[in-house]
Amino acid sequence: PLLQAAGKKNSSNLLELTEAELKEQFVRGDGPGGQATNKTNNCVVLKHIPSGIVVKCHQTRSVEQNRKRAREILQEKIDLFYKGEDSEVFKEKKASEKKKQEKKKRAKENLERKKHFKEMQELDKK
């Protein structure tokens, strides 16, 4: 559940990865893309051996960009795995959820005000 917050933060105070702890594979991606997807091994599967966390990244057609993005996501997941609720990624996710709830609450209140205003206009016409 905590690991779902990863992929949201670009921060320098995350735990560092060493290449010796990583196992990297290149596989064929899945999803839309036709021949470009079906014939190229540009999907990166990255495994952090000590924790067992696996990341699969196929966001672009470039292997190098996918490698870089996979390492970023893995670093965030490892940070969440070891630090838990003290992680910057987790804190940012919580703040984002809170902001989203506030926005939803304001929209609901605004809708209620509009509804009440229409009702008052209807009563004034009668």
Protein backbone atom coordinates (compact mmCIF):
# COMPACT_ATOMS: atom_id res chain seq x y z
CA PRO A 1 0.00 0.00 0.00
CA LEU A 2 2.79 2.46 0.78
CA LEU A 3 4.59 1.65 -2.44
CA GLN A 4 1.72 3.04 -4.53
CA ALA A 5 2.84 6.56 -3.70
CA ALA A 6 6.08 6.16 -5.62
CA GLY A 7 6.61 7.88 -8.93
CA LYS A 8 5.43 11.23 -7.60
CA LYS A 9 8.56 12.91 -6.24
CA ASN A 10 11.82 14.26 -7.63
CA SER A 11 14.01 14.75 -4.58
CA SER A 12 17.69 14.54 -3.76
CA ASN A 13 17.17 13.32 -0.17
CA LEU A 14 15.99 9.83 -1.16
CA LEU A 15 18.04 6.76 -0.32
CA GLU A 16 20.86 6.14 -2.80
CA LEU A 17 20.99 3.10 -5.09
CA THR A 18 24.16 1.24 -5.94
CA GLU A 19 24.45 -0.60 -9.25
CA ALA A 20 25.73 -3.71 -7.44
CA GLU A 21 22.34 -4.08 -5.72
CA LEU A 22 20.42 -3.91 -9.01
CA LYS A 23 19.53 -6.56 -11.57
CA GLU A 24 18.48 -5.13 -14.92
CA GLN A 25 16.66 -6.83 -17.80
CA PHE A 26 15.34 -5.59 -21.12
CA VAL A 27 12.10 -7.18 -22.29
CA ARG A 28 9.43 -6.50 -24.84
CA GLY A 29 6.88 -4.01 -23.68
CA ASP A 30 3.15 -4.48 -23.77
CA GLY A 31 0.21 -2.31 -24.62
CA PRO A 32 -0.49 -0.17 -27.69
CA GLY A 33 2.23 0.57 -30.21
CA GLY A 34 2.02 -2.21 -32.76
CA GLN A 35 5.23 -3.30 -34.45
CA ALA A 36 7.32 -0.69 -32.60
CA THR A 37 6.36 -2.36 -29.31
CA ASN A 38 6.28 -5.96 -30.47
CA LYS A 39 9.76 -6.11 -32.04
CA THR A 40 11.92 -4.08 -29.67
CA ASN A 41 13.19 -4.92 -26.19
CA ASN A 42 12.97 -1.41 -24.76
CA CYS A 43 11.00 -2.18 -21.61
CA VAL A 44 13.28 -2.09 -18.55
CA VAL A 45 12.74 -4.45 -15.62
CA LEU A 46 14.79 -3.39 -12.62
CA LYS A 47 15.05 -5.43 -9.42
CA HIS A 48 16.56 -4.27 -6.12
CA ILE A 49 18.07 -7.49 -4.82
CA PRO A 50 18.18 -6.74 -1.04
CA SER A 51 14.52 -5.69 -0.79
CA GLY A 52 13.10 -7.70 -3.70
CA ILE A 53 11.30 -4.67 -5.15
CA VAL A 54 10.76 -4.89 -8.92
CA VAL A 55 10.00 -1.99 -11.27
CA LYS A 56 8.93 -2.32 -14.89
CA CYS A 57 9.21 0.82 -17.01
CA HIS A 58 8.05 1.19 -20.61
CA GLN A 59 7.04 4.85 -20.74
CA THR A 60 9.00 5.79 -23.87
CA ARG A 61 10.50 4.10 -26.93
CA SER A 62 14.01 4.98 -25.75
CA VAL A 63 15.85 2.36 -23.69
CA GLU A 64 18.03 5.02 -22.04
CA GLN A 65 15.04 7.14 -20.95
CA ASN A 66 13.28 4.03 -19.64
CA ARG A 67 16.42 3.02 -17.70
CA LYS A 68 16.65 6.45 -16.11
CA ARG A 69 12.94 6.58 -15.24
CA ALA A 70 12.99 3.01 -13.85
CA ARG A 71 15.84 3.97 -11.50
CA GLU A 72 13.96 7.06 -10.31
CA ILE A 73 10.81 5.05 -9.58
CA LEU A 74 12.79 2.27 -7.90
CA GLN A 75 14.63 4.80 -5.74
CA GLU A 76 11.31 6.26 -4.58
CA LYS A 77 9.85 2.82 -3.85
CA ILE A 78 12.94 1.81 -1.86
CA ASP A 79 12.76 5.06 0.08
CA LEU A 80 9.13 4.30 0.93
CA PHE A 81 10.00 0.69 1.78
CA TYR A 82 12.71 1.60 4.29
CA LYS A 83 11.44 4.92 5.69
CA GLY A 84 7.69 4.25 5.58
CA GLU A 85 5.63 7.23 6.71
CA ASP A 86 8.79 9.30 7.31
CA SER A 87 9.57 9.26 3.59
CA GLU A 88 9.37 12.50 1.60
CA VAL A 89 7.42 10.65 -1.11
CA PHE A 90 4.79 9.55 1.42
CA LYS A 91 4.51 13.04 2.90
CA GLU A 92 4.06 14.59 -0.55
CA LYS A 93 1.41 12.01 -1.44
CA LYS A 94 -0.50 12.77 1.77
CA ALA A 95 -0.30 16.52 1.12
CA SER A 96 -1.53 15.99 -2.43
CA GLU A 97 -4.48 13.89 -1.21
CA LYS A 98 -5.37 16.53 1.38
CA LYS A 99 -5.27 19.28 -1.26
CA LYS A 100 -7.48 17.17 -3.54
CA GLN A 101 -10.01 16.61 -0.73
CA GLU A 102 -10.11 20.34 0.03
CA LYS A 103 -10.73 21.13 -3.63
CA LYS A 104 -13.51 18.55 -3.77
CA LYS A 105 -15.07 19.98 -0.61
CA ARG A 106 -15.02 23.54 -2.02
CA ALA A 107 -16.59 22.35 -5.28
CA LYS A 108 -19.37 20.58 -3.37
CA GLU A 109 -20.04 23.66 -1.23
CA ASN A 110 -20.11 25.84 -4.34
CA LEU A 111 -22.61 23.49 -5.98
CA GLU A 112 -24.82 23.63 -2.89
CA ARG A 113 -24.70 27.44 -2.93
CA LYS A 114 -25.74 27.48 -6.59
CA LYS A 115 -28.56 25.06 -5.91
CA HIS A 116 -29.76 27.15 -2.97
CA PHE A 117 -29.55 30.34 -5.09
CA LYS A 118 -31.69 28.75 -7.83
CA GLU A 119 -34.26 27.67 -5.26
CA MET A 120 -34.42 31.22 -3.89
CA GLN A 121 -34.91 32.61 -7.41
CA GLU A 122 -37.75 30.15 -7.99
CA LEU A 123 -39.44 31.24 -4.76
CA ASP A 124 -39.05 34.93 -5.69
CA LYS A 125 -40.75 34.34 -9.05
CA LYS A 126 -43.79 32.79 -7.35
